[in-house]
């Protein structure tokens, strides 16, 4: 028999997935920013030599 009524736990799963995606994107963007800063520092050091 098919279930009747509201589906169980789908709202919480959706919210959790959204939050985890935000967290992953935040970590990824911070890593990219750090990489860009290091690259700029290296370029500056090469220019001075």
PDB file of N, CA and C in Angstrom:
ATOM      1  N   UNK A   1       0.824  -1.190   0.000  1.00  0.00           N
ATOM      2  CA  UNK A   1       0.000   0.000   0.000  1.00  0.00           C
ATOM      3  C   UNK A   1       0.868   1.254   0.000  1.00  0.00           C
ATOM      4  N   UNK A   2       0.376   2.263  -0.672  1.00  0.00           N
ATOM      5  CA  UNK A   2       1.100   3.526  -0.733  1.00  0.00           C
ATOM      6  C   UNK A   2       0.926   4.285   0.567  1.00  0.00           C
ATOM      7  N   UNK A   3       1.936   5.074   0.922  1.00  0.00           N
ATOM      8  CA  UNK A   3       1.857   5.873   2.139  1.00  0.00           C
ATOM      9  C   UNK A   3       0.948   7.064   1.897  1.00  0.00           C
ATOM     10  N   UNK A   4       0.272   7.479   2.932  1.00  0.00           N
ATOM     11  CA  UNK A   4      -0.594   8.637   2.850  1.00  0.00           C
ATOM     12  C   UNK A   4      -0.059   9.718   3.769  1.00  0.00           C
ATOM     13  N   UNK A   5      -0.329  10.963   3.439  1.00  0.00           N
ATOM     14  CA  UNK A   5       0.081  12.064   4.293  1.00  0.00           C
ATOM     15  C   UNK A   5       1.416  12.655   3.873  1.00  0.00           C
ATOM     16  N   UNK A   6       1.987  13.377   4.798  1.00  0.00           N
ATOM     17  CA  UNK A   6       3.230  14.088   4.527  1.00  0.00           C
ATOM     18  C   UNK A   6       4.415  13.136   4.459  1.00  0.00           C
ATOM     19  N   UNK A   7       5.336  13.429   3.549  1.00  0.00           N
ATOM     20  CA  UNK A   7       6.547  12.625   3.475  1.00  0.00           C
ATOM     21  C   UNK A   7       7.417  12.937   4.682  1.00  0.00           C
ATOM     22  N   UNK A   8       8.079  11.948   5.174  1.00  0.00           N
ATOM     23  CA  UNK A   8       8.876  12.094   6.376  1.00  0.00           C
ATOM     24  C   UNK A   8      10.280  12.603   6.045  1.00  0.00           C
ATOM     25  N   UNK A   9      10.717  13.608   6.772  1.00  0.00           N
ATOM     26  CA  UNK A   9      12.114  14.041   6.791  1.00  0.00           C
ATOM     27  C   UNK A   9      12.627  14.723   5.522  1.00  0.00           C
ATOM     28  N   UNK A  10      11.791  15.016   4.548  1.00  0.00           N
ATOM     29  CA  UNK A  10      12.314  15.618   3.314  1.00  0.00           C
ATOM     30  C   UNK A  10      12.722  17.068   3.513  1.00  0.00           C
ATOM     31  N   UNK A  11      12.010  17.797   4.363  1.00  0.00           N
ATOM     32  CA  UNK A  11      12.356  19.206   4.593  1.00  0.00           C
ATOM     33  C   UNK A  11      13.708  19.312   5.277  1.00  0.00           C
ATOM     34  N   UNK A  12      13.945  18.468   6.264  1.00  0.00           N
ATOM     35  CA  UNK A  12      15.220  18.503   6.974  1.00  0.00           C
ATOM     36  C   UNK A  12      16.367  18.114   6.057  1.00  0.00           C
ATOM     37  N   UNK A  13      16.154  17.118   5.207  1.00  0.00           N
ATOM     38  CA  UNK A  13      17.197  16.691   4.277  1.00  0.00           C
ATOM     39  C   UNK A  13      17.533  17.813   3.300  1.00  0.00           C
ATOM     40  N   UNK A  14      16.507  18.503   2.815  1.00  0.00           N
ATOM     41  CA  UNK A  14      16.721  19.598   1.863  1.00  0.00           C
ATOM     42  C   UNK A  14      17.497  20.725   2.527  1.00  0.00           C
ATOM     43  N   UNK A  15      17.127  21.057   3.747  1.00  0.00           N
ATOM     44  CA  UNK A  15      17.814  22.135   4.475  1.00  0.00           C
ATOM     45  C   UNK A  15      19.261  21.748   4.742  1.00  0.00           C
ATOM     46  N   UNK A  16      19.473  20.518   5.143  1.00  0.00           N
ATOM     47  CA  UNK A  16      20.821  20.037   5.425  1.00  0.00           C
ATOM     48  C   UNK A  16      21.680  20.072   4.157  1.00  0.00           C
ATOM     49  N   UNK A  17      21.120  19.622   3.058  1.00  0.00           N
ATOM     50  CA  UNK A  17      21.861  19.631   1.789  1.00  0.00           C
ATOM     51  C   UNK A  17      22.257  21.054   1.405  1.00  0.00           C
ATOM     52  N   UNK A  18      21.329  21.990   1.604  1.00  0.00           N
ATOM     53  CA  UNK A  18      21.604  23.391   1.281  1.00  0.00           C
ATOM     54  C   UNK A  18      22.747  23.930   2.142  1.00  0.00           C
ATOM     55  N   UNK A  19      22.703  23.625   3.445  1.00  0.00           N
ATOM     56  CA  UNK A  19      23.731  24.122   4.352  1.00  0.00           C
ATOM     57  C   UNK A  19      25.094  23.504   4.049  1.00  0.00           C
ATOM     58  N   UNK A  20      25.116  22.225   3.740  1.00  0.00           N
ATOM     59  CA  UNK A  20      26.372  21.557   3.415  1.00  0.00           C
ATOM     60  C   UNK A  20      26.949  22.135   2.123  1.00  0.00           C
ATOM     61  N   UNK A  21      26.091  22.419   1.140  1.00  0.00           N
ATOM     62  CA  UNK A  21      26.544  23.022  -0.112  1.00  0.00           C
ATOM     63  C   UNK A  21      27.142  24.402   0.148  1.00  0.00           C
ATOM     64  N   UNK A  22      26.508  25.189   1.027  1.00  0.00           N
ATOM     65  CA  UNK A  22      27.033  26.506   1.378  1.00  0.00           C
ATOM     66  C   UNK A  22      28.407  26.385   2.004  1.00  0.00           C
ATOM     67  N   UNK A  23      28.543  25.409   2.899  1.00  0.00           N
ATOM     68  CA  UNK A  23      29.811  25.208   3.587  1.00  0.00           C
ATOM     69  C   UNK A  23      30.912  24.838   2.593  1.00  0.00           C
ATOM     70  N   UNK A  24      30.611  23.922   1.675  1.00  0.00           N
ATOM     71  CA  UNK A  24      31.594  23.509   0.673  1.00  0.00           C
ATOM     72  C   UNK A  24      31.998  24.678  -0.211  1.00  0.00           C
ATOM     73  N   UNK A  25      31.014  25.487  -0.624  1.00  0.00           N
ATOM     74  CA  UNK A  25      31.306  26.650  -1.468  1.00  0.00           C
ATOM     75  C   UNK A  25      32.168  27.664  -0.729  1.00  0.00           C
ATOM     76  N   UNK A  26      31.898  27.846   0.556  1.00  0.00           N
ATOM     77  CA  UNK A  26      32.674  28.789   1.359  1.00  0.00           C
ATOM     78  C   UNK A  26      34.129  28.340   1.445  1.00  0.00           C
ATOM     79  N   UNK A  27      34.343  27.056   1.716  1.00  0.00           N
ATOM     80  CA  UNK A  27      35.698  26.521   1.820  1.00  0.00           C
ATOM     81  C   UNK A  27      36.420  26.648   0.483  1.00  0.00           C
ATOM     82  N   UNK A  28      35.699  26.349  -0.588  1.00  0.00           N
ATOM     83  CA  UNK A  28      36.285  26.418  -1.930  1.00  0.00           C
ATOM     84  C   UNK A  28      36.686  27.852  -2.273  1.00  0.00           C
ATOM     85  N   UNK A  29      35.820  28.811  -1.967  1.00  0.00           N
ATOM     86  CA  UNK A  29      36.128  30.202  -2.291  1.00  0.00           C
ATOM     87  C   UNK A  29      37.294  30.723  -1.450  1.00  0.00           C
ATOM     88  N   UNK A  30      37.351  30.316  -0.180  1.00  0.00           N
ATOM     89  CA  UNK A  30      38.472  30.741   0.660  1.00  0.00           C
ATOM     90  C   UNK A  30      39.785  30.179   0.120  1.00  0.00           C
ATOM     91  N   UNK A  31      39.767  28.934  -0.326  1.00  0.00           N
ATOM     92  CA  UNK A  31      40.971  28.316  -0.881  1.00  0.00           C
ATOM     93  C   UNK A  31      41.415  29.061  -2.140  1.00  0.00           C
ATOM     94  N   UNK A  32      40.463  29.438  -2.987  1.00  0.00           N
ATOM     95  CA  UNK A  32      40.784  30.166  -4.215  1.00  0.00           C
ATOM     96  C   UNK A  32      41.364  31.546  -3.891  1.00  0.00           C
ATOM     97  N   UNK A  33      40.788  32.223  -2.898  1.00  0.00           N
ATOM     98  CA  UNK A  33      41.293  33.540  -2.497  1.00  0.00           C
ATOM     99  C   UNK A  33      42.727  33.427  -1.969  1.00  0.00           C
ATOM    100  N   UNK A  34      42.974  32.410  -1.153  1.00  0.00           N
ATOM    101  CA  UNK A  34      44.303  32.202  -0.593  1.00  0.00           C
ATOM    102  C   UNK A  34      45.317  31.943  -1.702  1.00  0.00           C
ATOM    103  N   UNK A  35      44.899  31.126  -2.657  1.00  0.00           N
ATOM    104  CA  UNK A  35      45.762  30.798  -3.793  1.00  0.00           C
ATOM    105  C   UNK A  35      46.094  32.056  -4.599  1.00  0.00           C
ATOM    106  N   UNK A  36      45.093  32.903  -4.811  1.00  0.00           N
ATOM    107  CA  UNK A  36      45.299  34.140  -5.567  1.00  0.00           C
ATOM    108  C   UNK A  36      46.243  35.086  -4.828  1.00  0.00           C
ATOM    109  N   UNK A  37      46.081  35.178  -3.499  1.00  0.00           N
ATOM    110  CA  UNK A  37      46.970  36.036  -2.709  1.00  0.00           C
ATOM    111  C   UNK A  37      48.411  35.551  -2.786  1.00  0.00           C
ATOM    112  N   UNK A  38      48.600  34.238  -2.652  1.00  0.00           N
ATOM    113  CA  UNK A  38      49.946  33.686  -2.731  1.00  0.00           C
ATOM    114  C   UNK A  38      50.569  33.930  -4.098  1.00  0.00           C
ATOM    115  N   UNK A  39      49.742  33.785  -5.132  1.00  0.00           N
ATOM    116  CA  UNK A  39      50.226  34.008  -6.487  1.00  0.00           C
ATOM    117  C   UNK A  39      50.689  35.464  -6.651  1.00  0.00           C
ATOM    118  N   UNK A  40      49.930  36.399  -6.098  1.00  0.00           N
ATOM    119  CA  UNK A  40      50.285  37.812  -6.179  1.00  0.00           C
ATOM    120  C   UNK A  40      51.587  38.079  -5.437  1.00  0.00           C
ATOM    121  N   UNK A  41      51.759  37.442  -4.284  1.00  0.00           N
ATOM    122  CA  UNK A  41      52.992  37.624  -3.515  1.00  0.00           C
ATOM    123  C   UNK A  41      54.189  37.079  -4.291  1.00  0.00           C
ATOM    124  N   UNK A  42      54.022  35.927  -4.912  1.00  0.00           N
ATOM    125  CA  UNK A  42      55.097  35.323  -5.689  1.00  0.00           C
ATOM    126  C   UNK A  42      55.456  36.216  -6.875  1.00  0.00           C
ATOM    127  N   UNK A  43      54.443  36.744  -7.551  1.00  0.00           N
ATOM    128  CA  UNK A  43      54.691  37.653  -8.683  1.00  0.00           C
ATOM    129  C   UNK A  43      55.468  38.894  -8.233  1.00  0.00           C
ATOM    130  N   UNK A  44      55.088  39.439  -7.084  1.00  0.00           N
ATOM    131  CA  UNK A  44      55.759  40.611  -6.550  1.00  0.00           C
ATOM    132  C   UNK A  44      57.225  40.297  -6.211  1.00  0.00           C
ATOM    133  N   UNK A  45      57.445  39.136  -5.634  1.00  0.00           N
ATOM    134  CA  UNK A  45      58.810  38.738  -5.279  1.00  0.00           C
ATOM    135  C   UNK A  45      59.659  38.543  -6.525  1.00  0.00           C
ATOM    136  N   UNK A  46      59.072  37.961  -7.560  1.00  0.00           N
ATOM    137  CA  UNK A  46      59.808  37.762  -8.816  1.00  0.00           C
ATOM    138  C   UNK A  46      60.141  39.097  -9.470  1.00  0.00           C
ATOM    139  N   UNK A  47      59.228  40.051  -9.367  1.00  0.00           N
ATOM    140  CA  UNK A  47      59.439  41.373  -9.954  1.00  0.00           C
ATOM    141  C   UNK A  47      60.584  42.126  -9.265  1.00  0.00           C
ATOM    142  N   UNK A  48      60.716  41.914  -7.959  1.00  0.00           N
ATOM    143  CA  UNK A  48      61.767  42.595  -7.200  1.00  0.00           C
ATOM    144  C   UNK A  48      63.156  42.051  -7.529  1.00  0.00           C
ATOM    145  N   UNK A  49      63.233  40.796  -7.926  1.00  0.00           N
ATOM    146  CA  UNK A  49      64.543  40.178  -8.193  1.00  0.00           C
ATOM    147  C   UNK A  49      65.130  40.582  -9.511  1.00  0.00           C
TER     148      UNK A  49
END
